[in-house]
Amino acid sequence: MSPLRLCAGSDTSRRRKNNDMALTCEYKKTVVARIQRDKKFARALCAEALNALLEGETEEGLSMLRDLVHAGISFKQLARQTGMGEKSLHRMLSPRGNPTTRSLFAVTKAICEELSFKPHVAVEAIS
């Protein structure tokens, strides 16, 4: 598991196996605070979110994007930049969110611009 992977919304009432610990509000606040003070961390988290989405780990990718929005751009500002409703953006980035490609790219573009981050895609052959 990637050290940057965040699984917001995990059910904390179930018993955990091994070291799979529930995330707490304090942990989430710590992550948001780190995003706000450390642009390098924020850019790395953004790259990790995009990689997670490309690898089919949608819930994790959306969770990381949501943390980036909470820490920086805000849902209100994101709504203005993308032309989407604030509630729609909250639903889209929720654990069960199912954004369209167009919406997801609009959101990631706004987040990347906020971070002054231009992601690059590297293509590797699978052997």
N, C-alpha and C. Protein backbone atom coordinates (compact mmCIF):
# COMPACT_ATOMS: atom_id res chain seq x y z
N MET A 1 0.85 -1.18 0.00
CA MET A 1 0.00 0.00 0.00
C MET A 1 0.89 1.24 0.00
N SER A 2 0.55 2.20 -0.80
CA SER A 2 1.30 3.45 -0.89
C SER A 2 1.22 4.21 0.43
N PRO A 3 2.30 4.84 0.86
CA PRO A 3 2.25 5.59 2.11
C PRO A 3 1.35 6.82 2.04
N LEU A 4 1.01 7.27 0.83
CA LEU A 4 0.16 8.44 0.69
C LEU A 4 -1.31 8.09 0.55
N ARG A 5 -1.64 6.80 0.44
CA ARG A 5 -3.02 6.41 0.20
C ARG A 5 -3.87 6.74 1.41
N LEU A 6 -4.95 7.45 1.18
CA LEU A 6 -5.89 7.81 2.23
C LEU A 6 -7.21 7.13 1.95
N CYS A 7 -7.80 6.54 2.94
CA CYS A 7 -9.07 5.83 2.75
C CYS A 7 -10.13 6.48 3.62
N ALA A 8 -10.49 7.68 3.29
CA ALA A 8 -11.50 8.41 4.06
C ALA A 8 -12.82 7.70 3.98
N GLY A 9 -13.58 7.78 5.04
CA GLY A 9 -14.90 7.18 5.05
C GLY A 9 -14.89 5.71 5.43
N SER A 10 -13.76 5.19 5.89
CA SER A 10 -13.71 3.79 6.29
C SER A 10 -14.61 3.56 7.49
N ASP A 11 -15.21 2.40 7.55
CA ASP A 11 -16.09 2.06 8.66
C ASP A 11 -15.26 1.73 9.88
N THR A 12 -15.31 2.58 10.89
CA THR A 12 -14.48 2.38 12.08
C THR A 12 -15.12 1.44 13.08
N SER A 13 -16.36 1.01 12.86
CA SER A 13 -17.03 0.14 13.82
C SER A 13 -16.64 -1.32 13.64
N ARG A 14 -16.11 -1.66 12.49
CA ARG A 14 -15.69 -3.05 12.26
C ARG A 14 -14.32 -3.30 12.87
N ARG A 15 -14.07 -4.54 13.22
CA ARG A 15 -12.76 -4.88 13.76
C ARG A 15 -11.75 -4.87 12.62
N ARG A 16 -10.57 -4.40 12.91
CA ARG A 16 -9.50 -4.30 11.92
C ARG A 16 -8.61 -5.53 12.00
N LYS A 17 -8.12 -5.96 10.85
CA LYS A 17 -7.17 -7.06 10.80
C LYS A 17 -5.77 -6.48 10.67
N ASN A 18 -4.79 -7.14 11.24
CA ASN A 18 -3.39 -6.73 11.18
C ASN A 18 -3.24 -5.28 11.63
N ASN A 19 -2.59 -4.47 10.81
CA ASN A 19 -2.35 -3.07 11.16
C ASN A 19 -3.22 -2.13 10.35
N ASP A 20 -4.34 -2.59 9.82
CA ASP A 20 -5.25 -1.75 9.05
C ASP A 20 -6.05 -0.89 10.02
N MET A 21 -5.53 0.29 10.31
CA MET A 21 -6.12 1.14 11.33
C MET A 21 -7.12 2.11 10.72
N ALA A 22 -8.12 2.45 11.49
CA ALA A 22 -9.11 3.43 11.06
C ALA A 22 -8.49 4.82 11.07
N LEU A 23 -8.88 5.63 10.09
CA LEU A 23 -8.41 7.01 10.07
C LEU A 23 -9.26 7.83 11.03
N THR A 24 -8.61 8.71 11.72
CA THR A 24 -9.33 9.56 12.67
C THR A 24 -9.42 10.97 12.12
N CYS A 25 -10.28 11.77 12.74
CA CYS A 25 -10.38 13.18 12.35
C CYS A 25 -9.04 13.86 12.51
N GLU A 26 -8.32 13.53 13.57
CA GLU A 26 -7.02 14.15 13.79
C GLU A 26 -6.06 13.83 12.65
N TYR A 27 -6.10 12.60 12.17
CA TYR A 27 -5.23 12.21 11.05
C TYR A 27 -5.57 13.03 9.82
N LYS A 28 -6.86 13.15 9.51
CA LYS A 28 -7.29 13.91 8.35
C LYS A 28 -6.90 15.37 8.49
N LYS A 29 -7.03 15.94 9.69
CA LYS A 29 -6.63 17.33 9.92
C LYS A 29 -5.13 17.49 9.72
N THR A 30 -4.37 16.49 10.14
CA THR A 30 -2.92 16.52 9.98
C THR A 30 -2.55 16.52 8.50
N VAL A 31 -3.23 15.69 7.72
CA VAL A 31 -2.96 15.62 6.28
C VAL A 31 -3.30 16.95 5.62
N VAL A 32 -4.45 17.50 5.95
CA VAL A 32 -4.86 18.79 5.37
C VAL A 32 -3.86 19.88 5.75
N ALA A 33 -3.42 19.89 7.00
CA ALA A 33 -2.44 20.89 7.45
C ALA A 33 -1.13 20.74 6.69
N ARG A 34 -0.71 19.50 6.46
CA ARG A 34 0.54 19.26 5.73
C ARG A 34 0.41 19.72 4.28
N ILE A 35 -0.74 19.47 3.67
CA ILE A 35 -0.98 19.92 2.29
C ILE A 35 -0.86 21.44 2.23
N GLN A 36 -1.40 22.12 3.23
CA GLN A 36 -1.41 23.58 3.24
C GLN A 36 -0.01 24.18 3.41
N ARG A 37 0.85 23.50 4.16
CA ARG A 37 2.16 24.09 4.43
C ARG A 37 3.28 23.55 3.54
N ASP A 38 3.03 22.44 2.84
CA ASP A 38 4.10 21.78 2.08
C ASP A 38 3.63 21.51 0.65
N LYS A 39 3.97 22.43 -0.26
CA LYS A 39 3.53 22.31 -1.67
C LYS A 39 4.10 21.07 -2.34
N LYS A 40 5.30 20.67 -1.96
CA LYS A 40 5.91 19.47 -2.54
C LYS A 40 5.06 18.23 -2.16
N PHE A 41 4.64 18.16 -0.91
CA PHE A 41 3.77 17.07 -0.47
C PHE A 41 2.44 17.12 -1.21
N ALA A 42 1.88 18.33 -1.36
CA ALA A 42 0.59 18.48 -2.05
C ALA A 42 0.70 18.00 -3.50
N ARG A 43 1.78 18.35 -4.17
CA ARG A 43 1.98 17.91 -5.56
C ARG A 43 2.16 16.40 -5.64
N ALA A 44 2.89 15.83 -4.68
CA ALA A 44 3.08 14.38 -4.65
C ALA A 44 1.75 13.67 -4.40
N LEU A 45 0.93 14.25 -3.53
CA LEU A 45 -0.38 13.67 -3.25
C LEU A 45 -1.28 13.75 -4.49
N CYS A 46 -1.19 14.85 -5.20
CA CYS A 46 -1.96 15.01 -6.44
C CYS A 46 -1.53 13.96 -7.46
N ALA A 47 -0.23 13.76 -7.61
CA ALA A 47 0.27 12.74 -8.54
C ALA A 47 -0.19 11.35 -8.11
N GLU A 48 -0.16 11.09 -6.82
CA GLU A 48 -0.61 9.79 -6.30
C GLU A 48 -2.10 9.60 -6.55
N ALA A 49 -2.88 10.66 -6.41
CA ALA A 49 -4.33 10.58 -6.67
C ALA A 49 -4.58 10.24 -8.13
N LEU A 50 -3.87 10.90 -9.03
CA LEU A 50 -4.04 10.62 -10.45
C LEU A 50 -3.61 9.20 -10.79
N ASN A 51 -2.50 8.75 -10.20
CA ASN A 51 -2.06 7.36 -10.42
C ASN A 51 -3.10 6.37 -9.91
N ALA A 52 -3.66 6.64 -8.75
CA ALA A 52 -4.68 5.75 -8.19
C ALA A 52 -5.88 5.67 -9.13
N LEU A 53 -6.32 6.81 -9.66
CA LEU A 53 -7.45 6.81 -10.59
C LEU A 53 -7.12 6.02 -11.85
N LEU A 54 -5.91 6.20 -12.38
CA LEU A 54 -5.50 5.48 -13.59
C LEU A 54 -5.39 3.98 -13.35
N GLU A 55 -5.09 3.59 -12.12
CA GLU A 55 -4.95 2.17 -11.78
C GLU A 55 -6.27 1.54 -11.34
N GLY A 56 -7.36 2.32 -11.41
CA GLY A 56 -8.67 1.78 -11.06
C GLY A 56 -9.00 1.84 -9.58
N GLU A 57 -8.17 2.52 -8.80
CA GLU A 57 -8.42 2.67 -7.36
C GLU A 57 -9.19 3.98 -7.15
N THR A 58 -10.41 3.98 -7.62
CA THR A 58 -11.22 5.19 -7.69
C THR A 58 -11.47 5.81 -6.32
N GLU A 59 -11.88 5.03 -5.36
CA GLU A 59 -12.20 5.57 -4.03
C GLU A 59 -11.00 6.28 -3.41
N GLU A 60 -9.83 5.65 -3.53
CA GLU A 60 -8.62 6.25 -2.96
C GLU A 60 -8.25 7.53 -3.70
N GLY A 61 -8.33 7.50 -5.03
CA GLY A 61 -8.00 8.68 -5.81
C GLY A 61 -8.92 9.84 -5.52
N LEU A 62 -10.21 9.57 -5.43
CA LEU A 62 -11.18 10.62 -5.12
C LEU A 62 -10.97 11.17 -3.72
N SER A 63 -10.60 10.30 -2.78
CA SER A 63 -10.34 10.73 -1.41
C SER A 63 -9.17 11.71 -1.36
N MET A 64 -8.12 11.40 -2.08
CA MET A 64 -6.95 12.28 -2.10
C MET A 64 -7.29 13.62 -2.76
N LEU A 65 -8.07 13.57 -3.85
CA LEU A 65 -8.49 14.82 -4.50
C LEU A 65 -9.34 15.66 -3.54
N ARG A 66 -10.22 14.99 -2.80
CA ARG A 66 -11.07 15.68 -1.83
C ARG A 66 -10.22 16.37 -0.76
N ASP A 67 -9.19 15.69 -0.27
CA ASP A 67 -8.29 16.30 0.72
C ASP A 67 -7.60 17.53 0.14
N LEU A 68 -7.19 17.45 -1.11
CA LEU A 68 -6.54 18.59 -1.76
C LEU A 68 -7.49 19.77 -1.89
N VAL A 69 -8.76 19.49 -2.18
CA VAL A 69 -9.75 20.56 -2.28
C VAL A 69 -9.98 21.19 -0.91
N HIS A 70 -10.16 20.36 0.11
CA HIS A 70 -10.38 20.87 1.47
C HIS A 70 -9.20 21.73 1.94
N ALA A 71 -7.99 21.34 1.57
CA ALA A 71 -6.81 22.04 2.05
C ALA A 71 -6.49 23.31 1.27
N GLY A 72 -6.96 23.40 0.04
CA GLY A 72 -6.54 24.53 -0.76
C GLY A 72 -7.64 25.28 -1.46
N ILE A 73 -8.02 24.78 -2.59
CA ILE A 73 -8.88 25.51 -3.50
C ILE A 73 -10.28 25.78 -2.94
N SER A 74 -10.83 24.95 -2.13
CA SER A 74 -12.17 24.98 -1.54
C SER A 74 -13.23 24.58 -2.56
N PHE A 75 -14.29 23.98 -2.06
CA PHE A 75 -15.36 23.53 -2.95
C PHE A 75 -16.08 24.71 -3.59
N LYS A 76 -16.18 25.82 -2.88
CA LYS A 76 -16.85 27.00 -3.42
C LYS A 76 -16.08 27.55 -4.62
N GLN A 77 -14.78 27.69 -4.47
CA GLN A 77 -13.93 28.19 -5.55
C GLN A 77 -13.89 27.19 -6.70
N LEU A 78 -13.81 25.90 -6.37
CA LEU A 78 -13.79 24.86 -7.40
C LEU A 78 -15.08 24.89 -8.22
N ALA A 79 -16.20 25.13 -7.56
CA ALA A 79 -17.48 25.22 -8.26
C ALA A 79 -17.46 26.38 -9.25
N ARG A 80 -16.91 27.51 -8.84
CA ARG A 80 -16.83 28.67 -9.74
C ARG A 80 -15.92 28.38 -10.93
N GLN A 81 -14.79 27.73 -10.69
CA GLN A 81 -13.82 27.47 -11.76
C GLN A 81 -14.31 26.42 -12.76
N THR A 82 -15.06 25.45 -12.28
CA THR A 82 -15.49 24.36 -13.16
C THR A 82 -16.89 24.56 -13.73
N GLY A 83 -17.66 25.47 -13.13
CA GLY A 83 -19.03 25.67 -13.58
C GLY A 83 -19.98 24.60 -13.08
N MET A 84 -19.54 23.80 -12.13
CA MET A 84 -20.38 22.74 -11.55
C MET A 84 -20.92 23.22 -10.20
N GLY A 85 -21.98 22.58 -9.76
CA GLY A 85 -22.55 22.90 -8.46
C GLY A 85 -21.68 22.38 -7.33
N GLU A 86 -21.68 23.12 -6.22
CA GLU A 86 -20.89 22.72 -5.06
C GLU A 86 -21.31 21.35 -4.53
N LYS A 87 -22.62 21.13 -4.44
CA LYS A 87 -23.11 19.83 -3.96
C LYS A 87 -22.72 18.71 -4.90
N SER A 88 -22.78 18.98 -6.19
CA SER A 88 -22.37 17.97 -7.18
C SER A 88 -20.90 17.60 -7.01
N LEU A 89 -20.08 18.58 -6.73
CA LEU A 89 -18.65 18.33 -6.51
C LEU A 89 -18.43 17.49 -5.26
N HIS A 90 -19.17 17.80 -4.19
CA HIS A 90 -19.07 16.99 -2.96
C HIS A 90 -19.45 15.54 -3.25
N ARG A 91 -20.55 15.34 -3.97
CA ARG A 91 -20.98 13.97 -4.31
C ARG A 91 -19.95 13.29 -5.21
N MET A 92 -19.44 14.02 -6.18
CA MET A 92 -18.49 13.47 -7.14
C MET A 92 -17.22 12.98 -6.45
N LEU A 93 -16.75 13.71 -5.45
CA LEU A 93 -15.52 13.33 -4.76
C LEU A 93 -15.76 12.51 -3.50
N SER A 94 -16.99 12.06 -3.30
CA SER A 94 -17.30 11.21 -2.15
C SER A 94 -16.79 9.80 -2.42
N PRO A 95 -16.72 8.96 -1.37
CA PRO A 95 -16.24 7.58 -1.57
C PRO A 95 -17.02 6.79 -2.62
N ARG A 96 -18.28 7.11 -2.79
CA ARG A 96 -19.09 6.41 -3.79
C ARG A 96 -19.30 7.26 -5.05
N GLY A 97 -18.50 8.30 -5.18
CA GLY A 97 -18.63 9.19 -6.33
C GLY A 97 -18.38 8.46 -7.64
N ASN A 98 -19.07 8.89 -8.66
CA ASN A 98 -18.94 8.28 -9.98
C ASN A 98 -18.89 9.40 -11.03
N PRO A 99 -17.79 10.17 -11.02
CA PRO A 99 -17.73 11.32 -11.92
C PRO A 99 -17.58 10.92 -13.38
N THR A 100 -18.08 11.78 -14.25
CA THR A 100 -17.83 11.57 -15.68
C THR A 100 -16.38 11.97 -15.93
N THR A 101 -15.86 11.52 -17.03
CA THR A 101 -14.48 11.86 -17.39
C THR A 101 -14.32 13.36 -17.53
N ARG A 102 -15.28 14.00 -18.17
CA ARG A 102 -15.23 15.45 -18.36
C ARG A 102 -15.18 16.18 -17.01
N SER A 103 -16.03 15.77 -16.07
CA SER A 103 -16.06 16.41 -14.75
C SER A 103 -14.77 16.16 -13.99
N LEU A 104 -14.28 14.93 -14.04
CA LEU A 104 -13.06 14.59 -13.33
C LEU A 104 -11.87 15.37 -13.87
N PHE A 105 -11.78 15.50 -15.19
CA PHE A 105 -10.67 16.27 -15.76
C PHE A 105 -10.78 17.75 -15.43
N ALA A 106 -11.98 18.29 -15.38
CA ALA A 106 -12.16 19.70 -15.00
C ALA A 106 -11.70 19.93 -13.57
N VAL A 107 -12.03 19.01 -12.68
CA VAL A 107 -11.63 19.12 -11.28
C VAL A 107 -10.11 18.97 -11.14
N THR A 108 -9.54 17.95 -11.77
CA THR A 108 -8.09 17.75 -11.65
C THR A 108 -7.32 18.91 -12.27
N LYS A 109 -7.83 19.47 -13.35
CA LYS A 109 -7.17 20.62 -13.97
C LYS A 109 -7.16 21.80 -13.00
N ALA A 110 -8.28 22.07 -12.35
CA ALA A 110 -8.36 23.18 -11.40
C ALA A 110 -7.42 22.96 -10.21
N ILE A 111 -7.38 21.72 -9.70
CA ILE A 111 -6.50 21.41 -8.57
C ILE A 111 -5.04 21.57 -8.98
N CYS A 112 -4.69 21.05 -10.14
CA CYS A 112 -3.31 21.15 -10.62
C CYS A 112 -2.90 22.61 -10.84
N GLU A 113 -3.80 23.42 -11.37
CA GLU A 113 -3.50 24.85 -11.55
C GLU A 113 -3.28 25.52 -10.21
N GLU A 114 -4.09 25.17 -9.23
CA GLU A 114 -3.95 25.74 -7.88
C GLU A 114 -2.58 25.41 -7.29
N LEU A 115 -2.07 24.21 -7.61
CA LEU A 115 -0.78 23.76 -7.08
C LEU A 115 0.39 24.13 -7.98
N SER A 116 0.11 24.78 -9.10
CA SER A 116 1.14 25.06 -10.12
C SER A 116 1.85 23.77 -10.49
N PHE A 117 1.06 22.77 -10.79
CA PHE A 117 1.54 21.41 -11.04
C PHE A 117 1.04 20.95 -12.40
N LYS A 118 1.96 20.47 -13.23
CA LYS A 118 1.58 19.96 -14.54
C LYS A 118 1.95 18.48 -14.59
N PRO A 119 0.95 17.60 -14.47
CA PRO A 119 1.27 16.16 -14.47
C PRO A 119 1.71 15.68 -15.85
N HIS A 120 2.56 14.68 -15.85
CA HIS A 120 3.03 14.07 -17.08
C HIS A 120 2.71 12.58 -17.02
N VAL A 121 2.26 12.05 -18.13
CA VAL A 121 1.93 10.62 -18.19
C VAL A 121 3.09 9.89 -18.85
N ALA A 122 3.55 8.85 -18.21
CA ALA A 122 4.60 8.00 -18.76
C ALA A 122 3.98 6.67 -19.16
N VAL A 123 4.25 6.22 -20.35
CA VAL A 123 3.69 4.98 -20.85
C VAL A 123 4.76 3.90 -20.79
N GLU A 124 4.42 2.80 -20.14
CA GLU A 124 5.34 1.69 -20.01
C GLU A 124 4.70 0.45 -20.60
N ALA A 125 5.49 -0.34 -21.31
CA ALA A 125 4.98 -1.59 -21.86
C ALA A 125 4.86 -2.63 -20.75
N ILE A 126 3.78 -3.38 -20.79
CA ILE A 126 3.59 -4.47 -19.83
C ILE A 126 4.12 -5.73 -20.47
N SER A 127 5.03 -6.39 -19.77
CA SER A 127 5.60 -7.61 -20.34
C SER A 127 4.91 -8.85 -19.90
